[in-house]
Amino acid sequence: MAITVRPAWLARPCGLTAEDGAVPASTATLIRAVGARDTAIGMVMCLGRGPRVLQTASACRVAADLSDAVLFGRALTGRQRTEVAGFAAGWGTLCAATVGLRRRGGPAESAL
């Protein structure tokens, strides 16, 4: 939700700001769309009931994060690539791990 409110929080590390540090309107719109997508999936993950709902929402989150990692990894260079793509891959991996724990009845299961 944070990048929906402040697109610069994603635009800056990605190098998507203008020379004056401003976020172009078209870039802000795209970042807000990513933020809205992540917020919607996260809300279902937090509020959804039943294992199938949670599993589906989690799979959507993993797919979104890993696709972000691939796309940012291809579009960015140098340190930006490492930081932004790595961050997205890390979240996707963490979410995938929690799905695995839920299936095995590990610590994530007791939080549900």
C-alpha atoms as a PDB file:
ATOM      1  CA  MET A   1       0.000   0.000   0.000  1.00  0.00           C
ATOM      2  CA  ALA A   2       2.938   2.308   0.718  1.00  0.00           C
ATOM      3  CA  ILE A   3       3.976   2.665  -2.932  1.00  0.00           C
ATOM      4  CA  THR A   4       0.382   3.409  -3.888  1.00  0.00           C
ATOM      5  CA  VAL A   5       0.549   6.462  -1.636  1.00  0.00           C
ATOM      6  CA  ARG A   6       4.193   7.347  -2.356  1.00  0.00           C
ATOM      7  CA  PRO A   7       5.341   5.989  -5.745  1.00  0.00           C
ATOM      8  CA  ALA A   8       8.775   7.541  -5.197  1.00  0.00           C
ATOM      9  CA  TRP A   9       9.540   4.779  -2.670  1.00  0.00           C
ATOM     10  CA  LEU A  10       9.764   2.355  -5.583  1.00  0.00           C
ATOM     11  CA  ALA A  11      10.727   4.806  -8.336  1.00  0.00           C
ATOM     12  CA  ARG A  12      13.925   6.005  -6.623  1.00  0.00           C
ATOM     13  CA  PRO A  13      15.608   2.620  -6.114  1.00  0.00           C
ATOM     14  CA  CYS A  14      14.597   1.653  -9.668  1.00  0.00           C
ATOM     15  CA  GLY A  15      16.068   4.824 -11.144  1.00  0.00           C
ATOM     16  CA  LEU A  16      12.670   5.838 -12.526  1.00  0.00           C
ATOM     17  CA  THR A  17      12.689   9.457 -11.338  1.00  0.00           C
ATOM     18  CA  ALA A  18      13.383  12.559 -13.388  1.00  0.00           C
ATOM     19  CA  GLU A  19      16.658  14.422 -12.886  1.00  0.00           C
ATOM     20  CA  ASP A  20      14.978  16.654 -10.299  1.00  0.00           C
ATOM     21  CA  GLY A  21      13.854  13.582  -8.319  1.00  0.00           C
ATOM     22  CA  ALA A  22      10.203  13.870  -9.342  1.00  0.00           C
ATOM     23  CA  VAL A  23       8.292  10.792 -10.428  1.00  0.00           C
ATOM     24  CA  PRO A  24       6.782  11.228 -13.919  1.00  0.00           C
ATOM     25  CA  ALA A  25       2.976  10.891 -13.916  1.00  0.00           C
ATOM     26  CA  SER A  26       2.991   7.809 -16.159  1.00  0.00           C
ATOM     27  CA  THR A  27       5.546   6.092 -13.916  1.00  0.00           C
ATOM     28  CA  ALA A  28       3.552   6.974 -10.795  1.00  0.00           C
ATOM     29  CA  THR A  29       0.436   5.464 -12.375  1.00  0.00           C
ATOM     30  CA  LEU A  30       2.227   2.202 -13.146  1.00  0.00           C
ATOM     31  CA  ILE A  31       3.738   2.001  -9.658  1.00  0.00           C
ATOM     32  CA  ARG A  32       0.341   2.667  -8.095  1.00  0.00           C
ATOM     33  CA  ALA A  33      -1.096  -0.198 -10.170  1.00  0.00           C
ATOM     34  CA  VAL A  34       1.592  -2.554  -8.804  1.00  0.00           C
ATOM     35  CA  GLY A  35       0.844  -1.294  -5.296  1.00  0.00           C
ATOM     36  CA  ALA A  36      -2.890  -1.825  -5.742  1.00  0.00           C
ATOM     37  CA  ARG A  37      -2.279  -5.358  -7.022  1.00  0.00           C
ATOM     38  CA  ASP A  38      -0.056  -6.212  -4.075  1.00  0.00           C
ATOM     39  CA  THR A  39      -2.488  -4.640  -1.604  1.00  0.00           C
ATOM     40  CA  ALA A  40      -5.434  -6.593  -3.019  1.00  0.00           C
ATOM     41  CA  ILE A  41      -3.565  -9.900  -2.890  1.00  0.00           C
ATOM     42  CA  GLY A  42      -2.288  -9.130   0.603  1.00  0.00           C
ATOM     43  CA  MET A  43      -5.800  -8.339   1.839  1.00  0.00           C
ATOM     44  CA  VAL A  44      -7.029 -11.726   0.626  1.00  0.00           C
ATOM     45  CA  MET A  45      -4.030 -13.402   2.256  1.00  0.00           C
ATOM     46  CA  CYS A  46      -4.824 -11.682   5.570  1.00  0.00           C
ATOM     47  CA  LEU A  47      -8.612 -11.853   5.531  1.00  0.00           C
ATOM     48  CA  GLY A  48      -9.365 -14.915   3.416  1.00  0.00           C
ATOM     49  CA  ARG A  49     -10.743 -17.992   5.099  1.00  0.00           C
ATOM     50  CA  GLY A  50     -10.084 -21.567   4.201  1.00  0.00           C
ATOM     51  CA  PRO A  51      -6.987 -23.292   2.930  1.00  0.00           C
ATOM     52  CA  ARG A  52      -7.904 -23.066  -0.770  1.00  0.00           C
ATOM     53  CA  VAL A  53      -8.442 -19.302  -0.606  1.00  0.00           C
ATOM     54  CA  LEU A  54      -5.166 -18.769   1.227  1.00  0.00           C
ATOM     55  CA  GLN A  55      -3.297 -21.132  -1.068  1.00  0.00           C
ATOM     56  CA  THR A  56      -4.634 -19.399  -4.186  1.00  0.00           C
ATOM     57  CA  ALA A  57      -3.890 -15.907  -2.854  1.00  0.00           C
ATOM     58  CA  SER A  58      -0.403 -16.993  -1.828  1.00  0.00           C
ATOM     59  CA  ALA A  59       0.239 -18.502  -5.261  1.00  0.00           C
ATOM     60  CA  CYS A  60      -0.848 -15.214  -6.838  1.00  0.00           C
ATOM     61  CA  ARG A  61       1.550 -13.324  -4.581  1.00  0.00           C
ATOM     62  CA  VAL A  62       4.444 -15.651  -5.402  1.00  0.00           C
ATOM     63  CA  ALA A  63       3.719 -15.336  -9.136  1.00  0.00           C
ATOM     64  CA  ALA A  64       3.490 -11.536  -8.903  1.00  0.00           C
ATOM     65  CA  ASP A  65       6.717 -11.196  -6.919  1.00  0.00           C
ATOM     66  CA  LEU A  66       8.706 -13.593  -9.069  1.00  0.00           C
ATOM     67  CA  SER A  67       7.472 -11.948 -12.273  1.00  0.00           C
ATOM     68  CA  ASP A  68       8.493  -8.573 -10.802  1.00  0.00           C
ATOM     69  CA  ALA A  69      11.936 -10.028 -10.079  1.00  0.00           C
ATOM     70  CA  VAL A  70      12.302 -11.240 -13.662  1.00  0.00           C
ATOM     71  CA  LEU A  71      10.991  -8.045 -15.244  1.00  0.00           C
ATOM     72  CA  PHE A  72      12.992  -5.687 -13.026  1.00  0.00           C
ATOM     73  CA  GLY A  73      15.999  -7.954 -13.418  1.00  0.00           C
ATOM     74  CA  ARG A  74      15.815  -7.600 -17.184  1.00  0.00           C
ATOM     75  CA  ALA A  75      15.000  -3.884 -17.248  1.00  0.00           C
ATOM     76  CA  LEU A  76      17.422  -2.546 -14.650  1.00  0.00           C
ATOM     77  CA  THR A  77      21.209  -2.638 -14.495  1.00  0.00           C
ATOM     78  CA  GLY A  78      23.951  -2.714 -11.887  1.00  0.00           C
ATOM     79  CA  ARG A  79      23.114  -2.109  -8.260  1.00  0.00           C
ATOM     80  CA  GLN A  80      19.483  -1.269  -9.073  1.00  0.00           C
ATOM     81  CA  ARG A  81      19.029  -4.695 -10.645  1.00  0.00           C
ATOM     82  CA  THR A  82      20.538  -6.444  -7.634  1.00  0.00           C
ATOM     83  CA  GLU A  83      18.546  -4.498  -5.059  1.00  0.00           C
ATOM     84  CA  VAL A  84      15.118  -4.283  -6.695  1.00  0.00           C
ATOM     85  CA  ALA A  85      15.015  -7.689  -8.391  1.00  0.00           C
ATOM     86  CA  GLY A  86      16.570  -9.285  -5.310  1.00  0.00           C
ATOM     87  CA  PHE A  87      13.981  -7.682  -3.047  1.00  0.00           C
ATOM     88  CA  ALA A  88      11.107  -8.946  -5.235  1.00  0.00           C
ATOM     89  CA  ALA A  89      12.638 -12.435  -5.467  1.00  0.00           C
ATOM     90  CA  GLY A  90      13.122 -12.470  -1.711  1.00  0.00           C
ATOM     91  CA  TRP A  91       9.463 -11.687  -1.033  1.00  0.00           C
ATOM     92  CA  GLY A  92       8.336 -14.300  -3.554  1.00  0.00           C
ATOM     93  CA  THR A  93      10.590 -16.917  -1.975  1.00  0.00           C
ATOM     94  CA  LEU A  94       9.451 -16.022   1.548  1.00  0.00           C
ATOM     95  CA  CYS A  95       5.802 -16.292   0.543  1.00  0.00           C
ATOM     96  CA  ALA A  96       6.426 -19.625  -1.204  1.00  0.00           C
ATOM     97  CA  ALA A  97       8.120 -20.909   1.960  1.00  0.00           C
ATOM     98  CA  THR A  98       5.115 -19.959   4.091  1.00  0.00           C
ATOM     99  CA  VAL A  99       2.845 -21.861   1.715  1.00  0.00           C
ATOM    100  CA  GLY A 100       5.078 -24.902   2.189  1.00  0.00           C
ATOM    101  CA  LEU A 101       4.949 -24.537   5.962  1.00  0.00           C
ATOM    102  CA  ARG A 102       1.162 -24.262   5.885  1.00  0.00           C
ATOM    103  CA  ARG A 103       0.890 -27.466   3.883  1.00  0.00           C
ATOM    104  CA  ARG A 104       3.037 -29.322   6.392  1.00  0.00           C
ATOM    105  CA  GLY A 105       1.254 -27.838   9.397  1.00  0.00           C
ATOM    106  CA  GLY A 106       4.341 -25.866  10.493  1.00  0.00           C
ATOM    107  CA  PRO A 107       4.492 -22.541  12.373  1.00  0.00           C
ATOM    108  CA  ALA A 108       2.589 -20.670   9.652  1.00  0.00           C
ATOM    109  CA  GLU A 109      -0.378 -23.005  10.161  1.00  0.00           C
ATOM    110  CA  SER A 110      -0.749 -22.071  13.817  1.00  0.00           C
ATOM    111  CA  ALA A 111      -0.989 -18.394  12.852  1.00  0.00           C
ATOM    112  CA  LEU A 112      -4.136 -19.098  10.825  1.00  0.00           C
END
